[in-house]
Amino acid sequence: MTNISRILTVLIAVLSIFISGSAFAANCSTAPDMLEEILKRGKIRIGWINSKPFQYRNERGELEGAFVNAGNMLGEELMKVEVEWVEAKWDTFMAGLQSGKYDVVLSNVARRPNRAVSAWFTKPVVIGSQTFLVRKDSGVSSLADIDKPGNTIIVRLGSAAHITYTENDPDFFQNATLKSLAPPALPEQEVASGRAIAMGAGSVETQQIARANPDWAEVVVLPESPRSVGAGFVMQQCQHNLLHYMNTFVDTIIETQFMAKQAELYPDIVLDAIVAPTRLIGDLPK
């Protein structure tokens, strides 16, 4: 390749980056200010995804949970607007967000790079770790016990566990088969029946199932399990003002010990295990 050819190649590469960057800036420059729209509308539409104790329907069919209480505080007390809750699903909530079904998603959504391609996240509100729900009589105590030929590990379609083992760490299981189930199917039933050796899910979910089924279920935390990930609230891309507002809201949740109060209502919230720490201006080093 001649010097001129090399220079042209570099110029073309630089120009393509500039054009793509300009296109992105143009897209953001034409995006509506959703925070302004919410305030003018007098209503915020909040997407929620079933995941107890953060957001779920109780025995009376009423929506409740720690993040439901947070969302009501966000709309009614801080924004001074009406709150409309719109149900979403783990495998389709991004499409609903992009199509404008809701303004933000207030659920325990794991902050993943692949998800960040399509949406913007606040700073972490809570953290979590991947665990395994197994039968007490399974004899599972190590990764080798789970990762055997013929074994099936079950996960919820679209969940953080599903994304972890299919996209972020697809080689985690070398021998076992990973199977995903879409709602309303219950993955824990596959474990209870023996059709699956384990269910992969966050610690809050597996602990809940184990407590509800003490006769057969237990939770195994392995040293090799993927590390904890932060979960944040979600909104469309290019929403700078709304993202700033929601990040300030997350700081408010942590400053006011909001999750500690929720833990009194929902025992499944273990503060030391799931609440994300945030260093605020003026904090003294510990």
Protein backbone atom coordinates (compact mmCIF):
# COMPACT_ATOMS: atom_id res chain seq x y z
CA MET A 1 0.00 0.00 0.00
CA THR A 2 1.40 3.42 -1.00
CA ASN A 3 1.63 6.36 1.37
CA ILE A 4 -1.23 8.06 -0.46
CA SER A 5 -3.38 4.94 -0.11
CA ARG A 6 -2.63 4.78 3.60
CA ILE A 7 -3.55 8.45 4.04
CA LEU A 8 -6.80 7.95 2.12
CA THR A 9 -7.65 4.90 4.24
CA VAL A 10 -7.12 6.88 7.46
CA LEU A 11 -9.13 9.82 6.14
CA ILE A 12 -12.03 7.55 5.16
CA ALA A 13 -12.00 5.93 8.62
CA VAL A 14 -11.96 9.32 10.37
CA LEU A 15 -14.72 10.61 8.10
CA SER A 16 -16.91 7.57 8.80
CA ILE A 17 -16.51 8.09 12.54
CA PHE A 18 -17.37 11.76 12.16
CA ILE A 19 -20.44 10.98 10.07
CA SER A 20 -21.71 8.31 12.47
CA GLY A 21 -21.08 10.63 15.41
CA SER A 22 -22.90 13.46 13.65
CA ALA A 23 -25.82 11.17 12.90
CA PHE A 24 -26.05 10.20 16.55
CA ALA A 25 -25.90 13.85 17.60
CA ALA A 26 -28.59 14.69 15.05
CA ASN A 27 -30.83 11.95 16.42
CA CYS A 28 -30.40 13.28 19.93
CA SER A 29 -30.92 16.87 18.80
CA THR A 30 -34.34 15.96 17.38
CA ALA A 31 -35.42 13.86 20.36
CA PRO A 32 -38.25 15.35 22.41
CA ASP A 33 -37.52 16.35 26.01
CA MET A 34 -39.42 13.61 27.82
CA LEU A 35 -39.04 15.23 31.24
CA GLU A 36 -40.71 18.36 29.88
CA GLU A 37 -43.42 16.23 28.25
CA ILE A 38 -44.14 14.41 31.52
CA LEU A 39 -44.53 17.66 33.44
CA LYS A 40 -46.74 19.21 30.75
CA ARG A 41 -48.83 16.05 30.47
CA GLY A 42 -49.29 15.89 34.22
CA LYS A 43 -48.69 12.15 34.19
CA ILE A 44 -45.72 9.80 34.22
CA ARG A 45 -46.15 6.35 32.67
CA ILE A 46 -44.01 3.85 34.52
CA GLY A 47 -43.27 0.40 33.13
CA TRP A 48 -42.99 -2.41 35.66
CA ILE A 49 -41.93 -6.06 35.36
CA ASN A 50 -43.15 -8.68 37.81
CA SER A 51 -40.40 -9.37 40.35
CA LYS A 52 -41.24 -9.63 44.02
CA PRO A 53 -40.45 -7.76 46.31
CA PHE A 54 -39.67 -4.86 43.99
CA GLN A 55 -42.86 -4.80 41.91
CA TYR A 56 -45.64 -7.41 41.81
CA ARG A 57 -49.37 -7.99 42.29
CA ASN A 58 -50.40 -9.20 45.72
CA GLU A 59 -53.12 -11.71 46.56
CA ARG A 60 -55.76 -9.00 46.07
CA GLY A 61 -54.46 -8.17 42.62
CA GLU A 62 -53.05 -4.83 43.79
CA LEU A 63 -49.70 -3.58 42.55
CA GLU A 64 -47.16 -3.21 45.33
CA GLY A 65 -43.46 -3.49 46.11
CA ALA A 66 -40.46 -1.36 47.02
CA PHE A 67 -40.10 0.20 43.57
CA VAL A 68 -43.85 0.72 43.29
CA ASN A 69 -43.62 2.81 46.42
CA ALA A 70 -40.59 4.58 44.93
CA GLY A 71 -42.45 5.29 41.69
CA ASN A 72 -45.47 6.68 43.50
CA MET A 73 -43.16 8.93 45.50
CA LEU A 74 -41.42 10.02 42.30
CA GLY A 75 -44.64 11.02 40.59
CA GLU A 76 -46.92 12.19 43.35
CA GLU A 77 -44.49 13.81 45.79
CA LEU A 78 -41.56 14.98 43.65
CA MET A 79 -42.89 15.58 40.14
CA LYS A 80 -46.41 16.39 41.36
CA VAL A 81 -47.97 14.39 38.52
CA GLU A 82 -50.31 11.43 38.18
CA VAL A 83 -48.69 7.99 38.05
CA GLU A 84 -49.82 5.40 35.51
CA TRP A 85 -48.35 1.92 35.89
CA VAL A 86 -47.95 -0.11 32.68
CA GLU A 87 -47.11 -3.80 32.93
CA ALA A 88 -44.17 -5.05 30.86
CA LYS A 89 -42.34 -8.35 30.38
CA TRP A 90 -38.69 -9.22 30.79
CA ASP A 91 -38.32 -10.32 27.19
CA THR A 92 -40.13 -7.35 25.60
CA PHE A 93 -39.74 -4.36 27.93
CA MET A 94 -37.08 -2.72 25.76
CA ALA A 95 -39.39 -2.77 22.73
CA GLY A 96 -42.16 -1.25 24.84
CA LEU A 97 -39.82 1.49 26.04
CA GLN A 98 -38.68 2.34 22.52
CA SER A 99 -42.25 2.37 21.18
CA GLY A 100 -43.32 4.84 23.88
CA LYS A 101 -45.63 2.60 25.91
CA TYR A 102 -44.06 4.04 29.05
CA ASP A 103 -41.68 6.89 29.88
CA VAL A 104 -39.39 5.00 32.27
CA VAL A 105 -39.05 1.49 33.62
CA LEU A 106 -38.84 1.23 37.40
CA SER A 107 -37.86 -2.38 37.98
CA ASN A 108 -34.78 -4.29 39.07
CA VAL A 109 -33.31 -4.26 35.55
CA ALA A 110 -29.66 -5.37 35.40
CA ARG A 111 -27.37 -2.76 33.85
CA ARG A 112 -25.85 -4.74 30.98
CA PRO A 113 -23.74 -3.40 28.09
CA ASN A 114 -25.97 -5.13 25.54
CA ARG A 115 -29.03 -3.42 27.02
CA ALA A 116 -27.22 -0.07 27.13
CA VAL A 117 -27.05 -0.17 23.33
CA SER A 118 -30.81 0.39 23.22
CA ALA A 119 -31.54 2.45 26.33
CA TRP A 120 -30.05 4.61 29.08
CA PHE A 121 -29.70 3.50 32.69
CA THR A 122 -29.51 5.41 35.92
CA LYS A 123 -26.76 4.65 38.40
CA PRO A 124 -27.42 1.41 40.34
CA VAL A 125 -30.30 1.36 42.78
CA VAL A 126 -29.69 -2.20 43.98
CA ILE A 127 -27.15 -4.92 43.30
CA GLY A 128 -27.54 -8.67 43.00
CA SER A 129 -25.65 -11.88 42.38
CA GLN A 130 -26.39 -14.99 40.36
CA THR A 131 -27.28 -18.07 42.39
CA PHE A 132 -28.77 -21.52 41.77
CA LEU A 133 -31.99 -22.98 43.09
CA VAL A 134 -31.67 -26.75 43.51
CA ARG A 135 -33.46 -29.64 45.17
CA LYS A 136 -32.19 -30.48 48.65
CA ASP A 137 -31.77 -34.10 47.59
CA SER A 138 -29.77 -33.20 44.45
CA GLY A 139 -26.38 -33.34 46.14
CA VAL A 140 -25.30 -30.17 44.36
CA SER A 141 -22.46 -28.34 46.09
CA SER A 142 -20.14 -27.36 43.24
CA LEU A 143 -20.17 -26.20 39.64
CA ALA A 144 -19.02 -29.67 38.58
CA ASP A 145 -22.20 -31.13 40.12
CA ILE A 146 -24.35 -28.84 37.97
CA ASP A 147 -22.30 -28.74 34.77
CA LYS A 148 -22.63 -32.36 33.69
CA PRO A 149 -23.74 -33.82 30.35
CA GLY A 150 -27.46 -34.54 30.48
CA ASN A 151 -28.16 -31.87 33.10
CA THR A 152 -30.47 -28.95 32.33
CA ILE A 153 -30.19 -25.49 33.89
CA ILE A 154 -33.37 -23.44 33.62
CA VAL A 155 -33.65 -19.63 33.46
CA ARG A 156 -36.40 -17.13 32.79
CA LEU A 157 -36.41 -15.84 29.22
CA GLY A 158 -35.07 -12.27 29.13
CA SER A 159 -33.91 -12.31 32.76
CA ALA A 160 -30.47 -11.22 33.95
CA ALA A 161 -29.54 -14.89 34.31
CA HIS A 162 -30.62 -15.58 30.73
CA ILE A 163 -28.49 -12.70 29.44
CA THR A 164 -25.56 -13.67 31.67
CA TYR A 165 -25.35 -17.26 30.43
CA THR A 166 -26.22 -16.67 26.78
CA GLU A 167 -24.52 -13.37 25.99
CA ASN A 168 -22.15 -12.12 28.67
CA ASP A 169 -20.68 -15.48 29.70
CA PRO A 170 -21.89 -18.01 27.11
CA ASP A 171 -19.13 -20.52 27.97
CA PHE A 172 -19.93 -20.67 31.67
CA PHE A 173 -21.55 -24.09 31.22
CA GLN A 174 -19.34 -26.48 29.27
CA ASN A 175 -21.42 -29.65 29.49
CA ALA A 176 -24.93 -28.96 30.79
CA THR A 177 -27.76 -27.61 28.64
CA LEU A 178 -29.21 -24.16 29.29
CA LYS A 179 -32.97 -23.83 28.72
CA SER A 180 -35.05 -20.64 28.94
CA LEU A 181 -38.75 -20.45 29.75
CA ALA A 182 -41.05 -17.57 28.85
CA PRO A 183 -43.66 -16.30 31.32
CA PRO A 184 -46.08 -17.41 32.64
CA ALA A 185 -44.19 -20.72 32.86
CA LEU A 186 -42.48 -21.20 36.24
CA PRO A 187 -38.84 -22.34 36.00
CA GLU A 188 -38.81 -23.50 39.62
CA GLN A 189 -41.35 -26.20 38.71
CA GLU A 190 -38.77 -27.70 36.36
CA VAL A 191 -36.41 -28.03 39.31
CA ALA A 192 -39.10 -29.32 41.66
CA SER A 193 -40.06 -32.03 39.16
CA GLY A 194 -36.47 -33.03 38.53
CA ARG A 195 -36.56 -32.04 34.85
CA ALA A 196 -33.84 -29.47 35.58
CA ILE A 197 -30.89 -29.82 37.94
CA ALA A 198 -30.94 -26.11 38.83
CA MET A 199 -32.55 -22.76 38.17
CA GLY A 200 -30.25 -19.80 37.61
CA ALA A 201 -31.53 -16.49 39.00
CA GLY A 202 -30.68 -13.56 41.24
CA SER A 203 -30.28 -14.14 44.96
CA VAL A 204 -33.52 -12.39 45.90
CA GLU A 205 -35.62 -14.59 43.63
CA THR A 206 -34.02 -17.90 44.57
CA GLN A 207 -34.20 -17.12 48.29
CA GLN A 208 -37.89 -16.31 47.97
CA ILE A 209 -38.62 -19.59 46.22
CA ALA A 210 -36.59 -21.55 48.76
CA ARG A 211 -38.43 -19.95 51.67
CA ALA A 212 -41.78 -20.70 50.03
CA ASN A 213 -40.77 -24.35 49.43
CA PRO A 214 -38.65 -25.41 52.42
CA ASP A 215 -39.54 -29.07 51.91
CA TRP A 216 -37.50 -29.42 48.71
CA ALA A 217 -35.71 -26.20 47.71
CA GLU A 218 -32.38 -24.68 48.70
CA VAL A 219 -30.04 -22.05 47.28
CA VAL A 220 -26.46 -22.70 46.24
CA VAL A 221 -23.98 -19.84 45.80
CA LEU A 222 -20.88 -20.93 43.92
CA PRO A 223 -17.46 -19.22 43.94
CA GLU A 224 -17.50 -19.36 40.14
CA SER A 225 -20.89 -17.65 39.86
CA PRO A 226 -20.91 -14.38 37.89
CA ARG A 227 -20.24 -11.36 40.07
CA SER A 228 -22.93 -9.02 41.29
CA VAL A 229 -24.38 -6.54 38.84
CA GLY A 230 -26.11 -3.25 39.45
CA ALA A 231 -29.77 -2.74 38.61
CA GLY A 232 -31.04 0.67 37.61
CA PHE A 233 -34.06 2.46 36.19
CA VAL A 234 -34.34 2.70 32.42
CA MET A 235 -35.38 5.28 29.83
CA GLN A 236 -35.04 5.96 26.13
CA GLN A 237 -31.73 7.18 24.75
CA CYS A 238 -31.07 10.90 24.24
CA GLN A 239 -33.05 11.87 27.35
CA HIS A 240 -30.34 13.92 29.06
CA ASN A 241 -32.68 15.94 31.29
CA LEU A 242 -34.70 12.92 32.34
CA LEU A 243 -31.55 10.89 33.05
CA HIS A 244 -30.17 13.70 35.22
CA TYR A 245 -33.48 13.92 37.09
CA MET A 246 -33.68 10.15 37.62
CA ASN A 247 -30.07 9.94 38.82
CA THR A 248 -30.84 12.65 41.35
CA PHE A 249 -33.89 10.62 42.34
CA VAL A 250 -31.68 7.56 42.93
CA ASP A 251 -29.41 9.67 45.14
CA THR A 252 -32.49 10.79 47.04
CA ILE A 253 -33.53 7.17 47.59
CA ILE A 254 -30.13 6.38 49.08
CA GLU A 255 -29.74 9.63 51.06
CA THR A 256 -33.11 9.19 52.77
CA GLN A 257 -32.56 5.50 53.57
CA PHE A 258 -35.66 4.75 51.51
CA MET A 259 -34.72 1.11 50.92
CA ALA A 260 -34.14 0.56 54.64
CA LYS A 261 -37.76 1.60 55.22
CA GLN A 262 -38.88 -0.74 52.43
CA ALA A 263 -36.98 -3.61 54.06
CA GLU A 264 -39.27 -3.25 57.07
CA LEU A 265 -42.23 -3.87 54.73
CA TYR A 266 -40.58 -6.51 52.55
CA PRO A 267 -38.28 -8.90 54.48
CA ASP A 268 -36.85 -10.28 51.23
CA ILE A 269 -34.90 -7.03 50.88
CA VAL A 270 -31.58 -7.74 52.60
CA LEU A 271 -29.93 -4.35 52.85
CA ASP A 272 -26.32 -5.47 53.08
CA ALA A 273 -26.80 -7.79 50.14
CA ILE A 274 -28.70 -5.77 47.58
CA VAL A 275 -28.75 -2.03 48.20
CA ALA A 276 -26.20 -0.26 46.01
CA PRO A 277 -23.79 2.06 47.84
CA THR A 278 -23.36 5.57 46.51
CA ARG A 279 -20.64 8.04 47.51
CA LEU A 280 -22.22 11.46 47.84
CA ILE A 281 -20.53 14.86 47.92
CA GLY A 282 -19.48 15.55 51.50
CA ASP A 283 -19.31 11.89 52.56
CA LEU A 284 -16.38 11.06 54.79
CA PRO A 285 -14.22 8.09 53.77
CA LYS A 286 -14.92 5.01 55.82
